Amino acid sequence: MIKRCVFLFLIVVGYKAIAQVIPMPNGNRDSNMVKQLFFAGLKEKMSDNYAVASSNFSKVVSADPANHAAYFELANANLRMDKLAEAEQNIKQAVKLKPDNKWYLRLQAEVYKRNNRIPELVEVFTELIRLDADNEAYYFDKANAQFILNQPDEARKTYDSIEQKFGESRELTNAKRRFQQNNNPSDSDIVKLLEGNQADLKNYLYAAGLLLQKGNDAEALKVLLKAKGIEPNNFEVNLGLADIYRKQKNDELAFASLRLAFESPEMPIDEKVKIIATLFSKMQQPVIAKNVTELSKVLAEKNPTDAKVLALYGDVLYQQNKLNDALNQYQAALKINEQVYVVWEQVINIQTLLGHYAEAIKFGDEALTIYPNQAGLYYYMAYALFKTGKYDSALNNLKTVLQLDVDNKALQAQVYALQGDIFINQNNFPLAKAAFEKAIALEPDNYLIMNNYAYYLALRNDDLDKAAQYAEKAAQAMPENSSVTDTYAFILFKQQKYTLAQTWIEKALQNNSSKNGVYLERYGDILYMKGDKDAALLQWKKAQQAGNVSEVLTKKINEKKYFK
């Protein structure tokens, strides 16, 4: 089997359910900030938002100049944005801080290749050989770079090292032939030369890489198809084909090639995981969702003892709202490896979404024995305790969240909003109002919190002007959210602004395919107050048919008049 050409394709880094080792500065506050910025950068990178990711990683290195992982990620982001000079400086710093990290050196090789820094490329492969002397691919890549530099003697020495260490091979024989054919190659000569070595798959791959670098996808496709004729199941060839077909927007052929690559036992599992992870941001496209689900399912079935693979399949299912199936995968992953915090959090999150609150509490207690200082766990526990009526315990957990995470304003806003819900259920409306005001002050663009607070105010006829202000802001920001637009219509109805209320309740119904019986009843109420009693009665009857069986609604229908 031909060894992998390590700088033919970019290394894709990042996966939300894989713990990463990140160097942190001294001091809890700085450490938390750096951690949040780092993972925020990874999240943006997963969504292909490289500019935002770069901004986050830049803040990390400003706060912590020794954070080599952040320099590496910054280099990766800049490379994706074709900011080659910046990428080169970033990866140099990462390697300077961590000179024996082969992943940093591999990315540095890719950057030098893109910048046409061939002499430096030779030095990088020398370091990689030092770190991983049994990786034959590094020797071939070094020799290729020496050949491009027109250093045939140095290249011969490298090939001699390959023969001494790994023995004679077809690939080595074909490579040595280059010196007899051409000793001073131009770029075009290199492509022809590499492509022309019959049955030398590595050279086909290298030639395809050069053509892709020049933007000549059509010729690269021809070269890869020739390579496929030599080794139809070679995963590198099929990955290259998948990439070209993807650029051509030929999803059928792209995923067919990708499936062939995934079927190869030679393709590293980590690379399969990374490829699937990079497609997450496009899961809203049905064809991608279907194929990614198939690929991740096959990967999980073939690797049932690999926790990260099972967690990945769980992520894919979760993205499609297949909560029960995702839960099964996450729990299976934890049985293999319980040291992945985000998987614990996902399990508890899904249990609360499914309404399995008792299970969420039990699972949360177990998770806290392993991760006693994770604020997120305490928040999920608080929510489950609230839903089971254990208000005091829920409030205690929320206090712990605020103590553990003093920098995450979004989480703090959720804490205060949940406090507000709890105080409402404890009939302590003054404390509830104070909690909601804190939540909105912390996160003024969280329109769902704003909407809930406005609804509570309206239910009690308390400060309807403020309720209307918050509800309008939320409705204008989220006009397609039926619950939000219904809240605004409800408050306008309370303010006797019936014409405007009608506009917003109609928006709620327009965006609610299930024809919510509460919305229909409210529509009838508004029409009645506008004087259209026949239309109001019609909507009340529709509300009843939609499942609204309240006694007040029945009374409205029977007596054909509005009742509070």
Protein backbone atom coordinates (compact mmCIF):
# COMPACT_ATOMS: atom_id res chain seq x y z
CA MET A 1 0.00 0.00 0.00
CA ILE A 2 1.34 3.44 -0.94
CA LYS A 3 2.03 5.67 2.06
CA ARG A 4 0.11 8.92 2.53
CA CYS A 5 1.49 12.15 1.04
CA VAL A 6 1.23 14.25 4.16
CA PHE A 7 0.85 17.67 2.55
CA LEU A 8 -1.51 16.85 -0.32
CA PHE A 9 -4.69 17.67 1.55
CA LEU A 10 -5.35 20.13 4.40
CA ILE A 11 -5.70 18.71 7.89
CA VAL A 12 -9.17 19.39 9.21
CA VAL A 13 -9.12 20.01 12.96
CA GLY A 14 -12.06 20.26 15.36
CA TYR A 15 -14.88 18.13 16.72
CA LYS A 16 -17.25 19.18 19.38
CA ALA A 17 -17.39 15.89 21.29
CA ILE A 18 -13.59 15.41 21.52
CA ALA A 19 -11.79 16.86 24.51
CA GLN A 20 -8.82 19.03 23.55
CA VAL A 21 -5.75 19.79 25.61
CA ILE A 22 -5.36 23.56 25.77
CA PRO A 23 -2.56 25.34 27.64
CA MET A 24 -4.06 27.84 30.05
CA PRO A 25 -2.68 30.93 31.81
CA ASN A 26 -2.45 31.22 35.55
CA GLY A 27 -5.49 32.52 37.41
CA ASN A 28 -9.02 31.16 37.27
CA ARG A 29 -10.52 34.25 35.68
CA ASP A 30 -8.00 34.39 32.83
CA SER A 31 -8.16 30.63 32.42
CA ASN A 32 -11.94 30.67 32.07
CA MET A 33 -11.81 33.51 29.57
CA VAL A 34 -9.18 31.80 27.45
CA LYS A 35 -11.09 28.53 27.57
CA GLN A 36 -14.32 30.19 26.48
CA LEU A 37 -12.61 32.07 23.66
CA PHE A 38 -10.81 28.94 22.49
CA PHE A 39 -13.93 26.80 22.31
CA ALA A 40 -15.88 29.67 20.79
CA GLY A 41 -13.21 29.74 18.07
CA LEU A 42 -13.53 25.99 17.51
CA LYS A 43 -17.31 26.32 17.25
CA GLU A 44 -17.03 29.06 14.63
CA LYS A 45 -14.45 27.05 12.71
CA MET A 46 -16.82 24.07 12.63
CA SER A 47 -19.37 26.37 10.97
CA ASP A 48 -16.76 27.59 8.46
CA ASN A 49 -16.85 31.06 10.06
CA TYR A 50 -13.08 31.42 9.80
CA ALA A 51 -13.01 35.21 10.23
CA VAL A 52 -14.86 35.00 13.56
CA ALA A 53 -12.80 31.96 14.59
CA SER A 54 -9.61 33.88 13.81
CA SER A 55 -10.81 36.79 15.94
CA ASN A 56 -11.39 34.47 18.92
CA PHE A 57 -8.02 32.75 18.60
CA SER A 58 -6.30 36.15 18.25
CA LYS A 59 -7.84 37.17 21.57
CA VAL A 60 -6.56 33.94 23.12
CA VAL A 61 -2.95 34.58 22.09
CA SER A 62 -3.23 38.20 23.24
CA ALA A 63 -4.32 37.01 26.69
CA ASP A 64 -1.99 34.02 26.72
CA PRO A 65 1.06 34.42 24.40
CA ALA A 66 2.26 30.92 25.29
CA ASN A 67 -0.88 29.20 24.01
CA HIS A 68 0.59 27.14 21.17
CA ALA A 69 -2.74 25.44 20.40
CA ALA A 70 -4.35 28.82 19.72
CA TYR A 71 -1.51 29.79 17.34
CA PHE A 72 -2.04 26.50 15.53
CA GLU A 73 -5.79 27.11 15.19
CA LEU A 74 -5.14 30.71 14.14
CA ALA A 75 -2.81 29.47 11.41
CA ASN A 76 -5.44 26.99 10.28
CA ALA A 77 -8.12 29.69 10.08
CA ASN A 78 -5.88 32.12 8.20
CA LEU A 79 -4.87 29.40 5.77
CA ARG A 80 -8.54 28.72 5.03
CA MET A 81 -9.00 32.44 4.33
CA ASP A 82 -5.92 32.43 2.04
CA LYS A 83 -4.09 34.77 4.41
CA LEU A 84 -0.87 32.92 3.77
CA ALA A 85 1.59 35.40 5.31
CA GLU A 86 -0.39 35.50 8.55
CA ALA A 87 -0.77 31.71 8.57
CA GLU A 88 2.99 31.33 8.16
CA GLN A 89 3.73 33.60 11.12
CA ASN A 90 1.12 31.87 13.29
CA ILE A 91 2.37 28.35 12.63
CA LYS A 92 5.98 29.43 13.12
CA GLN A 93 5.05 30.64 16.59
CA ALA A 94 3.15 27.42 17.38
CA VAL A 95 6.18 25.34 16.32
CA LYS A 96 8.51 27.61 18.28
CA LEU A 97 6.46 27.05 21.42
CA LYS A 98 5.96 23.33 20.79
CA PRO A 99 8.72 22.18 18.40
CA ASP A 100 8.03 18.46 18.77
CA ASN A 101 4.34 18.53 17.81
CA LYS A 102 4.07 16.69 14.50
CA TRP A 103 0.58 18.10 13.77
CA TYR A 104 1.96 21.62 13.96
CA LEU A 105 4.80 20.65 11.65
CA ARG A 106 2.40 19.04 9.19
CA LEU A 107 0.37 22.21 9.00
CA GLN A 108 3.59 24.19 8.63
CA ALA A 109 4.45 21.98 5.67
CA GLU A 110 1.10 22.78 4.06
CA VAL A 111 1.64 26.53 4.61
CA TYR A 112 5.15 26.41 3.14
CA LYS A 113 3.85 24.47 0.18
CA ARG A 114 1.15 27.09 -0.48
CA ASN A 115 3.73 29.88 -0.06
CA ASN A 116 6.18 28.08 -2.34
CA ARG A 117 8.74 28.03 0.46
CA ILE A 118 10.37 24.81 -0.71
CA PRO A 119 13.72 25.16 1.14
CA GLU A 120 11.85 25.59 4.42
CA LEU A 121 9.64 22.67 3.44
CA VAL A 122 12.69 20.41 3.30
CA GLU A 123 13.61 21.48 6.84
CA VAL A 124 10.11 20.70 8.10
CA PHE A 125 10.22 17.18 6.69
CA THR A 126 13.64 16.72 8.26
CA GLU A 127 12.04 17.52 11.63
CA LEU A 128 9.11 15.22 10.96
CA ILE A 129 11.50 12.40 10.13
CA ARG A 130 13.31 13.09 13.41
CA LEU A 131 10.03 12.82 15.32
CA ASP A 132 8.59 9.88 13.40
CA ALA A 133 11.42 8.00 11.76
CA ASP A 134 9.19 5.08 10.78
CA ASN A 135 6.88 7.15 8.61
CA GLU A 136 8.08 6.42 5.09
CA ALA A 137 5.87 9.17 3.61
CA TYR A 138 7.95 11.93 5.21
CA TYR A 139 11.08 10.69 3.41
CA PHE A 140 9.34 10.64 0.04
CA ASP A 141 7.90 14.10 0.61
CA LYS A 142 11.33 15.43 1.55
CA ALA A 143 12.84 13.89 -1.57
CA ASN A 144 10.07 15.38 -3.75
CA ALA A 145 10.78 18.82 -2.29
CA GLN A 146 14.52 18.40 -2.89
CA PHE A 147 13.80 17.35 -6.46
CA ILE A 148 11.66 20.45 -7.07
CA LEU A 149 14.54 22.53 -5.65
CA ASN A 150 16.75 20.93 -8.31
CA GLN A 151 18.86 19.20 -5.68
CA PRO A 152 19.21 15.75 -7.25
CA ASP A 153 22.17 14.72 -5.09
CA GLU A 154 20.32 15.50 -1.87
CA ALA A 155 17.21 13.77 -3.19
CA ARG A 156 19.29 10.67 -4.04
CA LYS A 157 20.65 10.61 -0.50
CA THR A 158 17.11 10.72 0.85
CA TYR A 159 16.06 7.89 -1.47
CA ASP A 160 19.12 5.90 -0.32
CA SER A 161 17.92 6.41 3.26
CA ILE A 162 14.51 5.05 2.26
CA GLU A 163 16.09 1.95 0.70
CA GLN A 164 18.32 1.34 3.72
CA LYS A 165 15.49 1.74 6.21
CA PHE A 166 12.45 0.36 4.37
CA GLY A 167 13.92 -1.71 1.55
CA GLU A 168 13.36 -1.56 -2.19
CA SER A 169 9.86 -0.86 -3.51
CA ARG A 170 8.08 -0.09 -6.76
CA GLU A 171 7.50 3.46 -5.58
CA LEU A 172 11.19 3.96 -4.82
CA THR A 173 12.26 2.53 -8.16
CA ASN A 174 9.91 4.81 -10.06
CA ALA A 175 10.99 7.84 -8.05
CA LYS A 176 14.69 7.27 -8.82
CA ARG A 177 13.84 7.23 -12.52
CA ARG A 178 13.07 10.94 -12.35
CA PHE A 179 16.73 11.84 -12.28
CA GLN A 180 17.36 10.01 -15.51
CA GLN A 181 14.44 11.78 -17.21
CA ASN A 182 14.83 15.38 -16.12
CA ASN A 183 17.31 17.12 -13.81
CA ASN A 184 15.95 20.67 -13.99
CA PRO A 185 12.15 20.52 -13.98
CA SER A 186 9.80 23.47 -14.40
CA ASP A 187 6.37 23.42 -12.76
CA SER A 188 4.71 22.04 -15.89
CA ASP A 189 7.50 19.50 -16.32
CA ILE A 190 7.01 18.36 -12.73
CA VAL A 191 3.32 17.75 -13.29
CA LYS A 192 3.95 15.81 -16.50
CA LEU A 193 6.82 13.92 -14.93
CA LEU A 194 4.93 12.96 -11.79
CA GLU A 195 1.84 12.05 -13.77
CA GLY A 196 3.83 10.09 -16.32
CA ASN A 197 5.41 7.55 -13.98
CA GLN A 198 3.24 4.57 -14.74
CA ALA A 199 1.74 2.66 -11.82
CA ASP A 200 3.29 5.14 -9.31
CA LEU A 201 0.21 6.14 -7.36
CA LYS A 202 2.00 8.58 -5.07
CA ASN A 203 3.19 10.57 -8.06
CA TYR A 204 -0.33 10.75 -9.46
CA LEU A 205 -1.50 12.10 -6.12
CA TYR A 206 1.30 14.63 -6.00
CA ALA A 207 0.59 15.74 -9.57
CA ALA A 208 -3.10 16.12 -8.75
CA GLY A 209 -2.14 18.20 -5.71
CA LEU A 210 -0.05 20.55 -7.83
CA LEU A 211 -2.84 20.91 -10.38
CA LEU A 212 -5.40 21.65 -7.65
CA GLN A 213 -3.03 24.24 -6.21
CA LYS A 214 -2.94 25.93 -9.62
CA GLY A 215 -6.75 25.83 -9.79
CA ASN A 216 -6.74 23.37 -12.68
CA ASP A 217 -9.46 21.06 -11.31
CA ALA A 218 -10.29 19.56 -14.71
CA GLU A 219 -6.76 18.23 -15.25
CA ALA A 220 -6.53 17.14 -11.61
CA LEU A 221 -9.69 15.09 -12.12
CA LYS A 222 -8.11 13.36 -15.13
CA VAL A 223 -5.01 12.51 -13.11
CA LEU A 224 -7.04 11.14 -10.18
CA LEU A 225 -9.18 9.02 -12.51
CA LYS A 226 -5.98 7.51 -13.91
CA ALA A 227 -4.87 6.83 -10.33
CA LYS A 228 -8.21 5.20 -9.62
CA GLY A 229 -7.52 2.84 -12.49
CA ILE A 230 -4.42 1.67 -10.62
CA GLU A 231 -5.97 1.35 -7.15
CA PRO A 232 -9.78 1.75 -7.25
CA ASN A 233 -10.14 1.50 -3.47
CA ASN A 234 -7.31 3.81 -2.46
CA PHE A 235 -8.85 6.18 0.06
CA GLU A 236 -6.60 9.14 -0.85
CA VAL A 237 -7.63 8.92 -4.49
CA ASN A 238 -11.29 8.72 -3.58
CA LEU A 239 -10.97 11.63 -1.15
CA GLY A 240 -9.42 13.71 -3.91
CA LEU A 241 -12.21 12.78 -6.30
CA ALA A 242 -14.84 13.58 -3.68
CA ASP A 243 -13.32 17.02 -3.19
CA ILE A 244 -13.35 17.81 -6.91
CA TYR A 245 -16.91 16.51 -7.39
CA ARG A 246 -18.00 18.62 -4.41
CA LYS A 247 -16.53 21.72 -6.08
CA GLN A 248 -18.46 20.78 -9.21
CA LYS A 249 -21.62 20.56 -7.07
CA ASN A 250 -22.06 16.92 -8.09
CA ASP A 251 -23.24 15.61 -4.71
CA GLU A 252 -24.03 12.12 -5.97
CA LEU A 253 -20.51 11.43 -7.24
CA ALA A 254 -18.91 13.30 -4.34
CA PHE A 255 -20.59 11.14 -1.72
CA ALA A 256 -20.10 7.97 -3.77
CA SER A 257 -16.35 8.65 -3.73
CA LEU A 258 -16.46 9.56 -0.06
CA ARG A 259 -18.22 6.29 0.78
CA LEU A 260 -15.51 4.35 -1.07
CA ALA A 261 -12.85 6.19 0.93
CA PHE A 262 -14.65 5.43 4.20
CA GLU A 263 -14.84 1.74 3.33
CA SER A 264 -11.05 1.55 3.21
CA PRO A 265 -9.52 0.18 6.43
CA GLU A 266 -6.38 2.17 5.54
CA MET A 267 -8.15 5.49 6.07
CA PRO A 268 -7.54 6.63 9.68
CA ILE A 269 -10.65 6.76 11.86
CA ASP A 270 -9.75 10.24 13.09
CA GLU A 271 -9.76 11.52 9.53
CA LYS A 272 -13.20 10.04 8.94
CA VAL A 273 -14.44 11.71 12.11
CA LYS A 274 -13.05 15.08 11.05
CA ILE A 275 -14.60 14.91 7.59
CA ILE A 276 -18.05 14.17 9.01
CA ALA A 277 -17.63 16.93 11.59
CA THR A 278 -16.85 19.50 8.89
CA LEU A 279 -20.20 18.75 7.22
CA PHE A 280 -22.24 19.63 10.33
CA SER A 281 -22.80 23.21 9.23
CA LYS A 282 -24.48 21.97 6.03
CA MET A 283 -26.80 19.42 7.66
CA GLN A 284 -29.85 21.52 6.80
CA GLN A 285 -29.40 20.34 3.21
CA PRO A 286 -31.35 17.06 2.85
CA VAL A 287 -28.85 15.36 0.53
CA ILE A 288 -25.97 16.11 2.91
CA ALA A 289 -27.96 15.08 5.99
CA LYS A 290 -28.86 11.76 4.34
CA ASN A 291 -25.30 10.93 3.29
CA VAL A 292 -23.62 12.12 6.49
CA THR A 293 -26.07 10.02 8.51
CA GLU A 294 -25.24 6.98 6.39
CA LEU A 295 -21.48 7.55 6.68
CA SER A 296 -21.55 8.10 10.43
CA LYS A 297 -23.82 5.11 10.98
CA VAL A 298 -21.49 2.81 9.04
CA LEU A 299 -18.51 4.24 10.93
CA ALA A 300 -20.24 3.58 14.28
CA GLU A 301 -21.24 0.06 13.30
CA LYS A 302 -17.70 -0.80 12.24
CA ASN A 303 -16.14 0.78 15.34
CA PRO A 304 -18.53 -0.08 18.20
CA THR A 305 -15.82 0.32 20.87
CA ASP A 306 -14.64 3.78 19.79
CA ALA A 307 -16.30 6.39 22.05
CA LYS A 308 -15.59 9.37 19.83
CA VAL A 309 -17.13 7.61 16.81
CA LEU A 310 -20.30 6.78 18.75
CA ALA A 311 -20.46 10.35 20.07
CA LEU A 312 -20.05 11.66 16.53
CA TYR A 313 -22.98 9.56 15.33
CA GLY A 314 -24.93 10.93 18.28
CA ASP A 315 -24.08 14.46 17.14
CA VAL A 316 -25.34 13.71 13.62
CA LEU A 317 -28.61 12.32 14.96
CA TYR A 318 -29.00 15.24 17.37
CA GLN A 319 -28.57 17.70 14.50
CA GLN A 320 -31.62 16.08 12.89
CA ASN A 321 -33.64 16.18 16.12
CA LYS A 322 -33.60 12.38 16.41
CA LEU A 323 -33.28 12.73 20.15
CA ASN A 324 -33.93 9.15 21.33
CA ASP A 325 -31.49 7.68 18.81
CA ALA A 326 -28.88 10.32 19.67
CA LEU A 327 -29.33 9.59 23.37
CA ASN A 328 -28.61 5.90 22.79
CA GLN A 329 -25.35 6.72 21.00
CA TYR A 330 -24.18 9.17 23.64
CA GLN A 331 -24.90 6.74 26.46
CA ALA A 332 -23.06 3.97 24.61
CA ALA A 333 -20.08 6.32 24.21
CA LEU A 334 -20.02 7.06 27.95
CA LYS A 335 -19.99 3.36 28.79
CA ILE A 336 -16.71 3.15 26.87
CA ASN A 337 -15.19 6.44 28.03
CA GLU A 338 -16.78 8.54 30.76
CA GLN A 339 -14.09 11.23 30.56
CA VAL A 340 -15.74 13.34 27.82
CA TYR A 341 -17.63 16.13 29.53
CA VAL A 342 -19.63 17.42 26.56
CA VAL A 343 -21.20 14.00 26.06
CA TRP A 344 -22.49 14.01 29.64
CA GLU A 345 -23.95 17.45 29.04
CA GLN A 346 -25.61 16.33 25.81
CA VAL A 347 -27.21 13.33 27.53
CA ILE A 348 -28.72 15.51 30.28
CA ASN A 349 -29.77 18.10 27.71
CA ILE A 350 -31.65 15.49 25.67
CA GLN A 351 -33.25 13.97 28.76
CA THR A 352 -34.66 17.37 29.71
CA LEU A 353 -35.81 18.01 26.13
CA LEU A 354 -37.65 14.67 26.20
CA GLY A 355 -39.19 15.48 29.57
CA HIS A 356 -37.30 12.68 31.35
CA TYR A 357 -36.55 14.92 34.30
CA ALA A 358 -36.06 12.22 36.94
CA GLU A 359 -33.51 10.50 34.69
CA ALA A 360 -31.79 13.83 34.05
CA ILE A 361 -31.44 14.40 37.80
CA LYS A 362 -30.07 10.91 38.37
CA PHE A 363 -27.67 11.22 35.46
CA GLY A 364 -26.63 14.71 36.54
CA ASP A 365 -25.73 13.47 40.01
CA GLU A 366 -23.54 10.82 38.43
CA ALA A 367 -21.89 13.36 36.13
CA LEU A 368 -21.15 15.69 39.05
CA THR A 369 -19.14 12.98 40.78
CA ILE A 370 -16.74 13.18 37.81
CA TYR A 371 -17.06 16.89 36.98
CA PRO A 372 -17.95 18.68 40.25
CA ASN A 373 -16.95 22.12 38.95
CA GLN A 374 -18.87 22.27 35.66
CA ALA A 375 -21.41 25.10 35.78
CA GLY A 376 -23.37 23.68 32.85
CA LEU A 377 -24.19 20.50 34.74
CA TYR A 378 -25.61 22.43 37.67
CA TYR A 379 -27.79 24.46 35.30
CA TYR A 380 -29.28 21.37 33.65
CA MET A 381 -29.81 19.84 37.07
CA ALA A 382 -31.57 23.02 38.23
CA TYR A 383 -33.88 22.93 35.23
CA ALA A 384 -34.80 19.27 35.81
CA LEU A 385 -35.36 19.94 39.52
CA PHE A 386 -37.59 22.92 38.65
CA LYS A 387 -39.66 20.78 36.28
CA THR A 388 -40.18 18.22 39.08
CA GLY A 389 -41.27 20.90 41.57
CA LYS A 390 -38.11 20.83 43.68
CA TYR A 391 -37.77 24.60 43.69
CA ASP A 392 -35.39 25.10 46.63
CA SER A 393 -32.93 22.51 45.31
CA ALA A 394 -33.14 24.11 41.87
CA LEU A 395 -32.35 27.54 43.31
CA ASN A 396 -29.36 26.15 45.21
CA ASN A 397 -27.98 24.67 42.00
CA LEU A 398 -28.41 28.01 40.22
CA LYS A 399 -26.44 29.77 42.95
CA THR A 400 -23.64 27.28 42.35
CA VAL A 401 -23.69 28.06 38.62
CA LEU A 402 -23.18 31.76 39.34
CA GLN A 403 -20.29 30.98 41.68
CA LEU A 404 -18.53 28.65 39.24
CA ASP A 405 -18.83 30.75 36.09
CA VAL A 406 -18.55 34.49 36.61
CA ASP A 407 -17.68 35.41 33.02
CA ASN A 408 -20.29 33.68 30.86
CA LYS A 409 -23.02 36.32 30.52
CA ALA A 410 -25.20 34.12 28.31
CA LEU A 411 -25.23 31.35 30.93
CA GLN A 412 -25.83 33.85 33.71
CA ALA A 413 -28.80 35.27 31.80
CA GLN A 414 -30.28 31.78 31.55
CA VAL A 415 -29.73 31.29 35.28
CA TYR A 416 -31.62 34.47 36.18
CA ALA A 417 -34.39 33.63 33.70
CA LEU A 418 -34.82 30.20 35.30
CA GLN A 419 -34.80 31.86 38.72
CA GLY A 420 -37.63 34.03 37.44
CA ASP A 421 -39.63 30.96 36.39
CA ILE A 422 -39.08 29.37 39.80
CA PHE A 423 -40.11 32.51 41.70
CA ILE A 424 -43.26 32.72 39.54
CA ASN A 425 -44.16 29.19 40.61
CA GLN A 426 -43.46 30.14 44.22
CA ASN A 427 -45.83 33.12 43.83
CA ASN A 428 -43.01 35.52 44.57
CA PHE A 429 -43.55 37.95 41.71
CA PRO A 430 -41.28 40.78 43.01
CA LEU A 431 -38.27 38.43 43.07
CA ALA A 432 -39.28 37.02 39.69
CA LYS A 433 -39.34 40.52 38.16
CA ALA A 434 -35.92 41.32 39.60
CA ALA A 435 -34.49 38.07 38.21
CA PHE A 436 -35.89 38.65 34.70
CA GLU A 437 -34.58 42.23 34.66
CA LYS A 438 -31.10 40.93 35.53
CA ALA A 439 -31.34 38.35 32.73
CA ILE A 440 -32.29 40.96 30.14
CA ALA A 441 -29.59 43.36 31.33
CA LEU A 442 -26.97 40.62 30.90
CA GLU A 443 -28.19 39.50 27.48
CA PRO A 444 -30.32 42.25 25.91
CA ASP A 445 -30.70 40.39 22.63
CA ASN A 446 -32.13 37.20 24.15
CA TYR A 447 -35.64 37.69 22.82
CA LEU A 448 -37.02 34.45 24.22
CA ILE A 449 -36.28 35.54 27.78
CA MET A 450 -37.75 38.94 26.95
CA ASN A 451 -40.88 37.29 25.52
CA ASN A 452 -41.40 35.08 28.59
CA TYR A 453 -41.04 38.01 30.96
CA ALA A 454 -43.49 40.10 28.94
CA TYR A 455 -46.02 37.26 29.04
CA TYR A 456 -45.76 36.93 32.83
CA LEU A 457 -46.27 40.70 33.20
CA ALA A 458 -49.33 40.58 30.95
CA LEU A 459 -50.89 37.68 32.84
CA ARG A 460 -50.84 39.83 35.96
CA ASN A 461 -51.73 43.11 34.23
CA ASP A 462 -48.50 44.40 35.73
CA ASP A 463 -46.80 47.24 33.82
CA LEU A 464 -48.39 46.51 30.44
CA ASP A 465 -46.39 49.31 28.83
CA LYS A 466 -43.11 47.59 29.72
CA ALA A 467 -44.58 44.23 28.70
CA ALA A 468 -45.57 45.69 25.32
CA GLN A 469 -42.11 47.22 24.86
CA TYR A 470 -40.36 43.89 25.47
CA ALA A 471 -42.90 41.88 23.46
CA GLU A 472 -42.68 44.22 20.48
CA LYS A 473 -38.89 44.03 20.46
CA ALA A 474 -39.03 40.24 20.57
CA ALA A 475 -41.74 40.02 17.89
CA GLN A 476 -39.90 42.35 15.54
CA ALA A 477 -36.72 40.29 15.97
CA MET A 478 -38.48 36.90 15.64
CA PRO A 479 -41.56 37.46 13.45
CA GLU A 480 -41.69 33.79 12.41
CA ASN A 481 -41.82 32.49 15.98
CA SER A 482 -45.50 31.83 16.68
CA SER A 483 -45.14 31.86 20.46
CA VAL A 484 -43.43 35.25 20.39
CA THR A 485 -45.92 36.89 18.02
CA ASP A 486 -48.83 35.43 20.02
CA THR A 487 -47.42 37.01 23.19
CA TYR A 488 -47.33 40.42 21.52
CA ALA A 489 -50.89 39.95 20.22
CA PHE A 490 -52.02 38.99 23.75
CA ILE A 491 -50.51 42.13 25.25
CA LEU A 492 -51.96 44.37 22.53
CA PHE A 493 -55.34 42.78 23.24
CA LYS A 494 -54.90 43.64 26.90
CA GLN A 495 -54.13 47.22 25.86
CA GLN A 496 -57.30 47.25 23.69
CA LYS A 497 -55.23 47.82 20.53
CA TYR A 498 -57.34 45.33 18.62
CA THR A 499 -56.39 46.15 15.03
CA LEU A 500 -52.66 45.76 15.72
CA ALA A 501 -53.39 42.70 17.85
CA GLN A 502 -55.16 41.11 14.88
CA THR A 503 -52.11 41.67 12.68
CA TRP A 504 -49.83 39.84 15.10
CA ILE A 505 -52.16 36.97 15.95
CA GLU A 506 -52.55 36.33 12.22
CA LYS A 507 -48.74 36.15 11.98
CA ALA A 508 -48.76 33.61 14.80
CA LEU A 509 -51.34 31.46 13.01
CA GLN A 510 -49.60 31.84 9.68
CA ASN A 511 -46.40 30.37 11.13
CA ASN A 512 -48.10 27.65 13.15
CA SER A 513 -48.96 24.71 10.92
CA SER A 514 -50.67 22.78 13.72
CA LYS A 515 -53.21 25.61 14.22
CA ASN A 516 -52.74 26.02 17.95
CA GLY A 517 -56.11 26.08 19.70
CA VAL A 518 -55.01 28.83 22.12
CA TYR A 519 -53.99 31.10 19.25
CA LEU A 520 -57.32 30.47 17.49
CA GLU A 521 -59.24 31.31 20.65
CA ARG A 522 -57.27 34.53 21.02
CA TYR A 523 -58.00 35.35 17.36
CA GLY A 524 -61.69 34.94 18.09
CA ASP A 525 -61.41 37.17 21.16
CA ILE A 526 -59.79 39.94 19.11
CA LEU A 527 -62.40 39.69 16.34
CA TYR A 528 -65.19 39.83 18.90
CA MET A 529 -63.77 43.03 20.41
CA LYS A 530 -63.57 44.50 16.92
CA GLY A 531 -67.29 43.86 16.51
CA ASP A 532 -67.13 40.88 14.12
CA LYS A 533 -69.02 38.40 16.32
CA ASP A 534 -69.77 35.83 13.59
CA ALA A 535 -66.08 35.60 12.63
CA ALA A 536 -65.17 35.37 16.32
CA LEU A 537 -67.56 32.43 16.84
CA LEU A 538 -66.04 30.68 13.81
CA GLN A 539 -62.52 30.99 15.27
CA TRP A 540 -63.67 29.80 18.69
CA LYS A 541 -65.16 26.69 17.10
CA LYS A 542 -61.92 26.11 15.17
CA ALA A 543 -60.05 26.42 18.46
CA GLN A 544 -62.24 23.74 20.00
CA GLN A 545 -61.74 21.48 16.98
CA ALA A 546 -57.98 21.99 17.36
CA GLY A 547 -58.12 20.49 20.86
CA ASN A 548 -58.77 23.50 23.07
CA VAL A 549 -61.37 22.20 25.56
CA SER A 550 -61.26 24.93 28.21
CA GLU A 551 -64.49 25.67 30.04
CA VAL A 552 -64.24 29.38 29.20
CA LEU A 553 -63.99 28.60 25.49
CA THR A 554 -67.01 26.32 25.69
CA LYS A 555 -68.92 29.11 27.40
CA LYS A 556 -67.91 31.58 24.69
CA ILE A 557 -69.23 29.24 22.00
CA ASN A 558 -72.47 28.39 23.82
CA GLU A 559 -73.35 31.99 24.70
CA LYS A 560 -71.72 33.53 21.61
CA LYS A 561 -69.96 36.22 23.61
CA TYR A 562 -66.55 36.96 25.09
CA PHE A 563 -65.66 35.97 28.65
CA LYS A 564 -62.36 36.52 30.40
